[in-house]
C-alpha atoms as a PDB file:
ATOM      1  CA  MET A   1      72.529  20.600 -31.570  1.00  0.00           C
ATOM      2  CA  GLN A   2      75.734  21.117 -33.778  1.00  0.00           C
ATOM      3  CA  GLY A   3      76.344  17.601 -35.988  1.00  0.00           C
ATOM      4  CA  PHE A   4      73.041  16.798 -35.548  1.00  0.00           C
ATOM      5  CA  GLY A   5      70.823  15.217 -38.736  1.00  0.00           C
ATOM      6  CA  ALA A   6      72.235  15.068 -42.359  1.00  0.00           C
ATOM      7  CA  LEU A   7      74.556  18.109 -42.288  1.00  0.00           C
ATOM      8  CA  PRO A   8      78.526  18.322 -40.801  1.00  0.00           C
ATOM      9  CA  PRO A   9      78.890  20.019 -37.358  1.00  0.00           C
ATOM     10  CA  GLY A  10      79.149  23.911 -37.859  1.00  0.00           C
ATOM     11  CA  GLU A  11      76.986  24.100 -40.889  1.00  0.00           C
ATOM     12  CA  GLY A  12      73.136  24.584 -41.075  1.00  0.00           C
ATOM     13  CA  VAL A  13      70.644  26.522 -39.414  1.00  0.00           C
ATOM     14  CA  ASN A  14      70.878  27.691 -35.584  1.00  0.00           C
ATOM     15  CA  PRO A  15      67.658  26.479 -33.784  1.00  0.00           C
ATOM     16  CA  ASP A  16      68.232  28.850 -30.790  1.00  0.00           C
ATOM     17  CA  ALA A  17      68.250  31.796 -33.702  1.00  0.00           C
ATOM     18  CA  THR A  18      64.896  30.930 -35.366  1.00  0.00           C
ATOM     19  CA  THR A  19      61.593  32.434 -34.498  1.00  0.00           C
ATOM     20  CA  PRO A  20      58.749  29.818 -32.959  1.00  0.00           C
ATOM     21  CA  PRO A  21      55.598  30.261 -35.551  1.00  0.00           C
ATOM     22  CA  ASP A  22      52.875  31.979 -33.621  1.00  0.00           C
ATOM     23  CA  PRO A  23      50.291  29.787 -31.857  1.00  0.00           C
ATOM     24  CA  LEU A  24      47.625  32.717 -32.387  1.00  0.00           C
ATOM     25  CA  ASP A  25      48.180  33.204 -36.163  1.00  0.00           C
ATOM     26  CA  ALA A  26      44.505  33.300 -36.982  1.00  0.00           C
ATOM     27  CA  LYS A  27      45.038  33.210 -40.901  1.00  0.00           C
ATOM     28  CA  LYS A  28      47.384  29.598 -40.496  1.00  0.00           C
ATOM     29  CA  ILE A  29      44.762  28.188 -38.103  1.00  0.00           C
ATOM     30  CA  MET A  30      41.739  28.716 -40.359  1.00  0.00           C
ATOM     31  CA  ASP A  31      44.030  26.908 -43.294  1.00  0.00           C
ATOM     32  CA  ASP A  32      44.928  24.190 -41.108  1.00  0.00           C
ATOM     33  CA  VAL A  33      40.881  23.912 -40.331  1.00  0.00           C
ATOM     34  CA  HIS A  34      40.245  24.224 -43.921  1.00  0.00           C
ATOM     35  CA  ARG A  35      42.401  21.982 -45.060  1.00  0.00           C
ATOM     36  CA  ILE A  36      40.984  19.198 -42.328  1.00  0.00           C
ATOM     37  CA  ALA A  37      37.653  19.752 -43.443  1.00  0.00           C
ATOM     38  CA  GLU A  38      38.295  19.343 -47.165  1.00  0.00           C
ATOM     39  CA  LYS A  39      40.141  15.685 -46.385  1.00  0.00           C
ATOM     40  CA  TYR A  40      37.376  14.296 -43.549  1.00  0.00           C
ATOM     41  CA  ASP A  41      34.390  16.172 -44.510  1.00  0.00           C
ATOM     42  CA  GLY A  42      31.204  14.340 -43.899  1.00  0.00           C
ATOM     43  CA  PRO A  43      30.159  11.576 -42.026  1.00  0.00           C
ATOM     44  CA  PRO A  44      31.969   7.780 -42.895  1.00  0.00           C
ATOM     45  CA  ILE A  45      30.346   5.954 -45.872  1.00  0.00           C
ATOM     46  CA  GLU A  46      29.894   2.398 -46.244  1.00  0.00           C
ATOM     47  CA  ASN A  47      28.615   0.841 -49.320  1.00  0.00           C
ATOM     48  CA  VAL A  48      28.414  -2.882 -49.607  1.00  0.00           C
ATOM     49  CA  GLN A  49      27.545  -3.886 -53.317  1.00  0.00           C
ATOM     50  CA  PRO A  50      27.472  -7.849 -54.144  1.00  0.00           C
ATOM     51  CA  PHE A  51      27.617  -9.052 -57.779  1.00  0.00           C
ATOM     52  CA  ASN A  52      27.086 -11.694 -59.843  1.00  0.00           C
ATOM     53  CA  LEU A  53      27.963 -10.272 -63.037  1.00  0.00           C
ATOM     54  CA  ALA A  54      27.910 -12.109 -66.474  1.00  0.00           C
ATOM     55  CA  ALA A  55      30.323 -11.750 -69.052  1.00  0.00           C
ATOM     56  CA  GLY A  56      30.457  -8.327 -70.596  1.00  0.00           C
ATOM     57  CA  VAL A  57      28.159  -6.737 -67.694  1.00  0.00           C
ATOM     58  CA  VAL A  58      28.973  -3.511 -66.149  1.00  0.00           C
ATOM     59  CA  GLN A  59      27.429  -1.642 -63.435  1.00  0.00           C
ATOM     60  CA  LYS A  60      28.060   1.656 -62.029  1.00  0.00           C
ATOM     61  CA  ILE A  61      27.632   3.230 -58.534  1.00  0.00           C
ATOM     62  CA  ASP A  62      27.748   7.630 -58.908  1.00  0.00           C
ATOM     63  CA  TYR A  63      29.476   8.974 -56.803  1.00  0.00           C
ATOM     64  CA  ASN A  64      29.993  12.344 -58.301  1.00  0.00           C
ATOM     65  CA  ALA A  65      28.805  14.382 -54.718  1.00  0.00           C
ATOM     66  CA  THR A  66      30.232  12.133 -52.681  1.00  0.00           C
ATOM     67  CA  PRO A  67      33.829  11.782 -51.727  1.00  0.00           C
ATOM     68  CA  PHE A  68      35.414   8.470 -51.370  1.00  0.00           C
ATOM     69  CA  ASN A  69      38.784   7.219 -50.100  1.00  0.00           C
ATOM     70  CA  SER A  70      38.928   3.333 -50.046  1.00  0.00           C
ATOM     71  CA  ILE A  71      37.636   0.378 -52.210  1.00  0.00           C
ATOM     72  CA  ILE A  72      37.349  -3.154 -51.444  1.00  0.00           C
ATOM     73  CA  VAL A  73      37.242  -5.869 -53.626  1.00  0.00           C
ATOM     74  CA  SER A  74      36.549  -9.516 -52.816  1.00  0.00           C
ATOM     75  CA  VAL A  75      35.882 -11.806 -55.722  1.00  0.00           C
ATOM     76  CA  THR A  76      35.009 -15.519 -55.376  1.00  0.00           C
ATOM     77  CA  THR A  77      34.972 -16.377 -59.005  1.00  0.00           C
ATOM     78  CA  GLY A  78      36.228 -14.747 -62.436  1.00  0.00           C
ATOM     79  CA  THR A  79      38.011 -11.512 -62.244  1.00  0.00           C
ATOM     80  CA  LEU A  80      36.426  -8.330 -61.597  1.00  0.00           C
ATOM     81  CA  LYS A  81      37.351  -5.074 -63.941  1.00  0.00           C
ATOM     82  CA  VAL A  82      37.353  -1.457 -61.735  1.00  0.00           C
ATOM     83  CA  TRP A  83      37.094   1.770 -64.014  1.00  0.00           C
ATOM     84  CA  PHE A  84      36.667   5.315 -62.433  1.00  0.00           C
ATOM     85  CA  GLY A  85      34.180   6.926 -64.789  1.00  0.00           C
ATOM     86  CA  ASP A  86      31.153   5.683 -66.804  1.00  0.00           C
ATOM     87  CA  TYR A  87      32.460   2.368 -68.551  1.00  0.00           C
ATOM     88  CA  THR A  88      28.889   0.663 -68.599  1.00  0.00           C
ATOM     89  CA  LEU A  89      29.101   0.405 -72.669  1.00  0.00           C
ATOM     90  CA  GLN A  90      32.818  -0.180 -72.719  1.00  0.00           C
ATOM     91  CA  ALA A  91      33.162  -3.788 -71.052  1.00  0.00           C
ATOM     92  CA  ALA A  92      35.777  -4.630 -73.106  1.00  0.00           C
ATOM     93  CA  ALA A  93      38.059  -1.517 -72.218  1.00  0.00           C
ATOM     94  CA  THR A  94      41.144  -1.315 -70.115  1.00  0.00           C
ATOM     95  CA  ALA A  95      40.633  -1.374 -66.533  1.00  0.00           C
ATOM     96  CA  HIS A  96      41.996   0.860 -64.538  1.00  0.00           C
ATOM     97  CA  LEU A  97      42.083  -2.081 -61.674  1.00  0.00           C
ATOM     98  CA  ASN A  98      41.784  -6.105 -62.320  1.00  0.00           C
ATOM     99  CA  VAL A  99      40.842  -8.169 -59.240  1.00  0.00           C
ATOM    100  CA  PRO A 100      41.027 -11.798 -59.977  1.00  0.00           C
ATOM    101  CA  SER A 101      39.535 -14.471 -57.516  1.00  0.00           C
ATOM    102  CA  GLY A 102      41.385 -16.603 -55.139  1.00  0.00           C
ATOM    103  CA  ASN A 103      43.067 -13.980 -53.570  1.00  0.00           C
ATOM    104  CA  ALA A 104      42.079 -12.154 -49.727  1.00  0.00           C
ATOM    105  CA  PRO A 105      39.979  -9.238 -50.111  1.00  0.00           C
ATOM    106  CA  VAL A 106      42.321  -5.963 -51.679  1.00  0.00           C
ATOM    107  CA  GLN A 107      41.849  -2.565 -50.457  1.00  0.00           C
ATOM    108  CA  TYR A 108      42.620   0.596 -52.653  1.00  0.00           C
ATOM    109  CA  MET A 109      43.179   3.501 -50.795  1.00  0.00           C
ATOM    110  CA  PHE A 110      43.206   7.000 -52.218  1.00  0.00           C
ATOM    111  CA  SER A 111      41.309  10.290 -52.221  1.00  0.00           C
ATOM    112  CA  THR A 112      38.529  11.667 -54.781  1.00  0.00           C
ATOM    113  CA  ASN A 113      36.263  14.654 -55.077  1.00  0.00           C
ATOM    114  CA  GLY A 114      33.661  12.228 -56.048  1.00  0.00           C
ATOM    115  CA  ARG A 115      33.322  10.091 -58.958  1.00  0.00           C
ATOM    116  CA  ILE A 116      31.433   7.232 -60.926  1.00  0.00           C
ATOM    117  CA  VAL A 117      32.572   3.561 -60.304  1.00  0.00           C
ATOM    118  CA  SER A 118      32.057   1.203 -63.014  1.00  0.00           C
ATOM    119  CA  PHE A 119      32.945  -2.659 -62.286  1.00  0.00           C
ATOM    120  CA  GLY A 120      32.309  -5.467 -64.705  1.00  0.00           C
ATOM    121  CA  ASN A 121      33.302  -8.453 -66.253  1.00  0.00           C
ATOM    122  CA  ASP A 122      34.997  -8.856 -69.395  1.00  0.00           C
ATOM    123  CA  PRO A 123      32.983  -9.983 -72.407  1.00  0.00           C
ATOM    124  CA  THR A 124      35.029 -12.911 -73.135  1.00  0.00           C
ATOM    125  CA  ALA A 125      34.861 -14.149 -69.722  1.00  0.00           C
ATOM    126  CA  VAL A 126      33.611 -17.944 -69.275  1.00  0.00           C
ATOM    127  CA  VAL A 127      32.594 -17.872 -65.883  1.00  0.00           C
ATOM    128  CA  ASN A 128      30.718 -14.933 -63.811  1.00  0.00           C
ATOM    129  CA  ALA A 129      32.475 -12.567 -61.630  1.00  0.00           C
ATOM    130  CA  VAL A 130      31.299 -13.061 -58.106  1.00  0.00           C
ATOM    131  CA  GLY A 131      32.116 -11.229 -55.239  1.00  0.00           C
ATOM    132  CA  THR A 132      31.600  -8.089 -53.021  1.00  0.00           C
ATOM    133  CA  LEU A 133      32.605  -4.421 -54.043  1.00  0.00           C
ATOM    134  CA  TRP A 134      32.881  -2.106 -50.633  1.00  0.00           C
ATOM    135  CA  ILE A 135      32.913   1.827 -51.344  1.00  0.00           C
ATOM    136  CA  GLU A 136      33.878   3.487 -48.143  1.00  0.00           C
ATOM    137  CA  ARG A 137      34.678   7.076 -46.724  1.00  0.00           C
ATOM    138  CA  LEU A 138      36.741   6.085 -43.411  1.00  0.00           C
END
């Protein structure tokens, strides 16, 4: 296998000289299972939240105890502002996500340990923000 990959021939690790990992290494197995449980623990969730928000109105959903990994936003009219945290009294604050109407639904994927999600319409908006917000753990 000399010369395979990014190294010139004759340099690097000799694959025949390395020791394979012990498949019965209990600590490694426990670490792997723990990482999988942290990432995928719990049943899938899907919270569908239709909205029709007048100018300056902000709602929140409290997921502090429930991790989620996806937000899908579909906006029919207006622009939806989405914040991570309680922004119910700060409709004019710069949003973490701005989703305008007229596009296909937008999906944001990430991992969280649970948070509050606030969503609303800008105080200066001339139309209601109408659409649907999905919060999911896939």
